[in-house]
Amino acid sequence: PGDEALALAAATAARLACERAEALGLTDEWTEPTLLGLAFAAHDIARADELARRVARGAGESWKLETTLDTLQEHVDLMPPPRLAFETIVDDLRRRLR
C-alpha cells in the first residue's frame, strides 16, 4: 500500500484504540487530544467541535494544550478551504491558554 493508505490505517487504529480505552474507562490525559487531532485529520467538524469542548474542560498543564494546538494548526494549514470552522476551534482553545 501507498503512504496515504498506510496513514489512513494508522489513524484508524489509533482512533479505535482511543475509543476502546474510553469504553473501558482506561483513558489518560492524551486520549481526548489524540481523538481531537484525528478528527481534524479526518475533517470531521462535528466530532472536532465535541472533542474540543472536552479537551478544554480537561485542560491540565498548559504545555499539553500547546502541543495539541500545534498539531491542530498543522492540520488546519494542510486543509483545503473552507477551513474557518477548524480555525475557530484552534483560536478558541488558544484563548484558553491566556
N, C-alpha and C. Protein backbone atom coordinates (compact mmCIF):
# COMPACT_ATOMS: atom_id res chain seq x y z
N PRO A 1 0.82 -1.21 0.00
CA PRO A 1 0.00 0.00 0.00
C PRO A 1 0.86 1.26 0.00
N GLY A 2 0.28 2.33 -0.52
CA GLY A 2 0.97 3.60 -0.56
C GLY A 2 0.94 4.32 0.78
N ASP A 3 1.62 5.48 0.82
CA ASP A 3 1.70 6.26 2.06
C ASP A 3 0.32 6.68 2.57
N GLU A 4 -0.55 7.08 1.67
CA GLU A 4 -1.88 7.54 2.10
C GLU A 4 -2.67 6.40 2.74
N ALA A 5 -2.60 5.22 2.15
CA ALA A 5 -3.30 4.07 2.70
C ALA A 5 -2.72 3.68 4.07
N LEU A 6 -1.40 3.75 4.21
CA LEU A 6 -0.78 3.44 5.49
C LEU A 6 -1.15 4.46 6.55
N ALA A 7 -1.19 5.73 6.17
CA ALA A 7 -1.58 6.79 7.11
C ALA A 7 -3.03 6.60 7.57
N LEU A 8 -3.90 6.26 6.64
CA LEU A 8 -5.30 6.02 6.98
C LEU A 8 -5.43 4.82 7.93
N ALA A 9 -4.68 3.77 7.66
CA ALA A 9 -4.72 2.59 8.53
C ALA A 9 -4.22 2.93 9.93
N ALA A 10 -3.15 3.71 10.02
CA ALA A 10 -2.61 4.10 11.32
C ALA A 10 -3.59 4.98 12.08
N ALA A 11 -4.22 5.93 11.38
CA ALA A 11 -5.20 6.81 12.02
C ALA A 11 -6.40 6.01 12.51
N THR A 12 -6.84 5.06 11.72
CA THR A 12 -7.97 4.22 12.11
C THR A 12 -7.63 3.39 13.34
N ALA A 13 -6.44 2.81 13.36
CA ALA A 13 -6.01 2.02 14.51
C ALA A 13 -5.93 2.88 15.77
N ALA A 14 -5.39 4.09 15.63
CA ALA A 14 -5.28 4.99 16.78
C ALA A 14 -6.66 5.39 17.29
N ARG A 15 -7.57 5.71 16.38
CA ARG A 15 -8.93 6.10 16.78
C ARG A 15 -9.62 4.96 17.50
N LEU A 16 -9.54 3.76 16.92
CA LEU A 16 -10.18 2.61 17.54
C LEU A 16 -9.59 2.30 18.92
N ALA A 17 -8.29 2.44 19.06
CA ALA A 17 -7.65 2.20 20.36
C ALA A 17 -8.12 3.22 21.40
N CYS A 18 -8.21 4.48 21.00
CA CYS A 18 -8.69 5.52 21.93
C CYS A 18 -10.15 5.29 22.30
N GLU A 19 -10.97 4.95 21.33
CA GLU A 19 -12.38 4.70 21.60
C GLU A 19 -12.55 3.48 22.51
N ARG A 20 -11.74 2.48 22.32
CA ARG A 20 -11.79 1.29 23.18
C ARG A 20 -11.36 1.65 24.60
N ALA A 21 -10.33 2.46 24.72
CA ALA A 21 -9.88 2.90 26.05
C ALA A 21 -11.00 3.68 26.75
N GLU A 22 -11.70 4.52 26.00
CA GLU A 22 -12.84 5.25 26.58
C GLU A 22 -13.92 4.29 27.06
N ALA A 23 -14.24 3.33 26.24
CA ALA A 23 -15.29 2.36 26.58
C ALA A 23 -14.94 1.56 27.83
N LEU A 24 -13.66 1.31 28.03
CA LEU A 24 -13.21 0.53 29.18
C LEU A 24 -12.85 1.39 30.39
N GLY A 25 -12.96 2.72 30.22
CA GLY A 25 -12.60 3.62 31.32
C GLY A 25 -11.10 3.65 31.58
N LEU A 26 -10.32 3.45 30.53
CA LEU A 26 -8.86 3.38 30.67
C LEU A 26 -8.16 4.55 29.98
N THR A 27 -8.80 5.69 29.94
CA THR A 27 -8.20 6.84 29.25
C THR A 27 -7.10 7.47 30.09
N ASP A 28 -6.28 8.26 29.42
CA ASP A 28 -5.29 9.08 30.10
C ASP A 28 -5.40 10.50 29.56
N GLU A 29 -4.47 11.36 29.94
CA GLU A 29 -4.56 12.77 29.55
C GLU A 29 -4.36 13.02 28.06
N TRP A 30 -3.94 12.02 27.30
CA TRP A 30 -3.71 12.19 25.87
C TRP A 30 -4.80 11.58 25.01
N THR A 31 -5.74 10.87 25.59
CA THR A 31 -6.77 10.22 24.79
C THR A 31 -7.61 11.23 24.02
N GLU A 32 -8.19 12.20 24.71
CA GLU A 32 -9.04 13.17 24.02
C GLU A 32 -8.26 14.06 23.06
N PRO A 33 -7.08 14.58 23.43
CA PRO A 33 -6.31 15.34 22.44
C PRO A 33 -5.97 14.53 21.19
N THR A 34 -5.68 13.24 21.38
CA THR A 34 -5.39 12.38 20.23
C THR A 34 -6.61 12.24 19.34
N LEU A 35 -7.77 11.99 19.95
CA LEU A 35 -9.01 11.90 19.17
C LEU A 35 -9.32 13.22 18.47
N LEU A 36 -9.03 14.33 19.13
CA LEU A 36 -9.26 15.65 18.51
C LEU A 36 -8.38 15.81 17.28
N GLY A 37 -7.12 15.47 17.39
CA GLY A 37 -6.22 15.55 16.24
C GLY A 37 -6.68 14.65 15.10
N LEU A 38 -7.16 13.48 15.44
CA LEU A 38 -7.67 12.56 14.41
C LEU A 38 -8.93 13.11 13.75
N ALA A 39 -9.79 13.78 14.52
CA ALA A 39 -10.99 14.40 13.94
C ALA A 39 -10.59 15.51 12.97
N PHE A 40 -9.57 16.28 13.32
CA PHE A 40 -9.07 17.32 12.41
C PHE A 40 -8.53 16.67 11.14
N ALA A 41 -7.75 15.62 11.31
CA ALA A 41 -7.16 14.95 10.15
C ALA A 41 -8.23 14.40 9.22
N ALA A 42 -9.34 13.96 9.80
CA ALA A 42 -10.45 13.41 9.01
C ALA A 42 -11.41 14.49 8.52
N HIS A 43 -11.14 15.76 8.90
CA HIS A 43 -12.01 16.89 8.53
C HIS A 43 -13.43 16.69 9.05
N ASP A 44 -13.55 16.10 10.24
CA ASP A 44 -14.84 15.82 10.87
C ASP A 44 -15.14 16.94 11.86
N ILE A 45 -15.78 18.01 11.38
CA ILE A 45 -16.01 19.19 12.21
C ILE A 45 -16.92 18.91 13.39
N ALA A 46 -17.94 18.10 13.22
CA ALA A 46 -18.85 17.81 14.34
C ALA A 46 -18.09 17.12 15.48
N ARG A 47 -17.31 16.13 15.13
CA ARG A 47 -16.53 15.40 16.15
C ARG A 47 -15.44 16.30 16.74
N ALA A 48 -14.81 17.11 15.90
CA ALA A 48 -13.78 18.03 16.37
C ALA A 48 -14.35 19.03 17.37
N ASP A 49 -15.52 19.56 17.08
CA ASP A 49 -16.15 20.53 17.96
C ASP A 49 -16.46 19.89 19.32
N GLU A 50 -17.03 18.70 19.30
CA GLU A 50 -17.35 17.99 20.54
C GLU A 50 -16.08 17.71 21.35
N LEU A 51 -15.06 17.21 20.68
CA LEU A 51 -13.82 16.87 21.38
C LEU A 51 -13.09 18.11 21.88
N ALA A 52 -13.17 19.20 21.15
CA ALA A 52 -12.51 20.44 21.59
C ALA A 52 -13.11 20.90 22.91
N ARG A 53 -14.43 20.79 23.05
CA ARG A 53 -15.06 21.16 24.31
C ARG A 53 -14.57 20.26 25.45
N ARG A 54 -14.45 18.98 25.17
CA ARG A 54 -13.97 18.05 26.19
C ARG A 54 -12.51 18.33 26.54
N VAL A 55 -11.70 18.61 25.54
CA VAL A 55 -10.28 18.92 25.79
C VAL A 55 -10.17 20.21 26.60
N ALA A 56 -10.97 21.20 26.28
CA ALA A 56 -10.93 22.47 27.00
C ALA A 56 -11.31 22.29 28.47
N ARG A 57 -12.32 21.47 28.71
CA ARG A 57 -12.75 21.22 30.10
C ARG A 57 -11.68 20.49 30.89
N GLY A 58 -10.98 19.60 30.24
CA GLY A 58 -9.99 18.79 30.93
C GLY A 58 -8.57 19.30 30.80
N ALA A 59 -8.41 20.49 30.22
CA ALA A 59 -7.07 21.02 30.00
C ALA A 59 -6.33 21.14 31.33
N GLY A 60 -5.25 20.44 31.43
CA GLY A 60 -4.45 20.48 32.64
C GLY A 60 -3.26 21.40 32.42
N GLU A 61 -2.12 20.81 32.31
CA GLU A 61 -0.89 21.57 32.12
C GLU A 61 -0.90 22.27 30.76
N SER A 62 -0.50 23.53 30.75
CA SER A 62 -0.59 24.32 29.52
C SER A 62 0.27 23.75 28.39
N TRP A 63 1.41 23.13 28.70
CA TRP A 63 2.26 22.61 27.63
C TRP A 63 1.54 21.51 26.85
N LYS A 64 0.67 20.77 27.52
CA LYS A 64 -0.06 19.72 26.83
C LYS A 64 -1.05 20.31 25.83
N LEU A 65 -1.74 21.36 26.25
CA LEU A 65 -2.67 22.02 25.33
C LEU A 65 -1.90 22.70 24.20
N GLU A 66 -0.76 23.30 24.50
CA GLU A 66 0.06 23.93 23.47
C GLU A 66 0.52 22.91 22.43
N THR A 67 0.92 21.74 22.90
CA THR A 67 1.35 20.68 21.98
C THR A 67 0.20 20.26 21.08
N THR A 68 -0.98 20.10 21.67
CA THR A 68 -2.17 19.75 20.90
C THR A 68 -2.50 20.84 19.89
N LEU A 69 -2.42 22.09 20.32
CA LEU A 69 -2.72 23.21 19.41
C LEU A 69 -1.75 23.27 18.24
N ASP A 70 -0.49 22.99 18.49
CA ASP A 70 0.50 22.96 17.41
C ASP A 70 0.11 21.91 16.36
N THR A 71 -0.30 20.75 16.83
CA THR A 71 -0.71 19.68 15.92
C THR A 71 -1.97 20.07 15.15
N LEU A 72 -2.94 20.64 15.86
CA LEU A 72 -4.19 21.06 15.20
C LEU A 72 -3.91 22.12 14.15
N GLN A 73 -3.03 23.07 14.46
CA GLN A 73 -2.71 24.12 13.49
C GLN A 73 -2.05 23.54 12.25
N GLU A 74 -1.22 22.53 12.42
CA GLU A 74 -0.61 21.86 11.27
C GLU A 74 -1.68 21.23 10.38
N HIS A 75 -2.68 20.62 11.00
CA HIS A 75 -3.78 20.04 10.23
C HIS A 75 -4.53 21.13 9.47
N VAL A 76 -4.82 22.25 10.14
CA VAL A 76 -5.54 23.35 9.50
C VAL A 76 -4.74 23.89 8.32
N ASP A 77 -3.45 24.05 8.51
CA ASP A 77 -2.60 24.59 7.45
C ASP A 77 -2.61 23.71 6.19
N LEU A 78 -2.85 22.43 6.38
CA LEU A 78 -2.87 21.50 5.24
C LEU A 78 -4.25 21.30 4.63
N MET A 79 -5.27 21.84 5.29
CA MET A 79 -6.65 21.65 4.81
C MET A 79 -6.94 22.55 3.62
N PRO A 80 -7.73 22.03 2.68
CA PRO A 80 -8.23 22.91 1.63
C PRO A 80 -9.36 23.77 2.19
N PRO A 81 -9.57 24.95 1.63
CA PRO A 81 -10.70 25.76 2.08
C PRO A 81 -12.01 25.05 1.77
N PRO A 82 -13.06 25.30 2.49
CA PRO A 82 -13.15 26.20 3.64
C PRO A 82 -12.69 25.50 4.92
N ARG A 83 -12.00 26.24 5.75
CA ARG A 83 -11.50 25.67 7.00
C ARG A 83 -11.75 26.56 8.20
N LEU A 84 -12.62 27.55 8.02
CA LEU A 84 -12.90 28.52 9.08
C LEU A 84 -13.36 27.86 10.37
N ALA A 85 -14.22 26.85 10.28
CA ALA A 85 -14.72 26.19 11.49
C ALA A 85 -13.58 25.56 12.28
N PHE A 86 -12.62 24.98 11.60
CA PHE A 86 -11.48 24.37 12.27
C PHE A 86 -10.56 25.45 12.85
N GLU A 87 -10.38 26.54 12.11
CA GLU A 87 -9.57 27.66 12.62
C GLU A 87 -10.20 28.24 13.88
N THR A 88 -11.52 28.30 13.92
CA THR A 88 -12.23 28.83 15.08
C THR A 88 -11.99 27.95 16.31
N ILE A 89 -12.00 26.65 16.12
CA ILE A 89 -11.74 25.74 17.23
C ILE A 89 -10.33 25.98 17.78
N VAL A 90 -9.34 26.09 16.91
CA VAL A 90 -7.97 26.33 17.35
C VAL A 90 -7.89 27.66 18.08
N ASP A 91 -8.51 28.70 17.53
CA ASP A 91 -8.49 30.02 18.17
C ASP A 91 -9.13 29.98 19.55
N ASP A 92 -10.27 29.29 19.67
CA ASP A 92 -10.95 29.20 20.96
C ASP A 92 -10.09 28.49 22.00
N LEU A 93 -9.46 27.39 21.60
CA LEU A 93 -8.58 26.68 22.53
C LEU A 93 -7.35 27.52 22.88
N ARG A 94 -6.82 28.25 21.90
CA ARG A 94 -5.65 29.09 22.16
C ARG A 94 -5.97 30.19 23.19
N ARG A 95 -7.18 30.73 23.12
CA ARG A 95 -7.60 31.76 24.08
C ARG A 95 -7.59 31.22 25.51
N ARG A 96 -7.85 29.95 25.66
CA ARG A 96 -7.87 29.34 27.00
C ARG A 96 -6.47 29.31 27.63
N LEU A 97 -5.44 29.42 26.81
CA LEU A 97 -4.07 29.42 27.34
C LEU A 97 -3.70 30.77 27.94
N ARG A 98 -4.42 31.80 27.56
CA ARG A 98 -4.05 33.16 28.03
C ARG A 98 -4.56 33.42 29.42
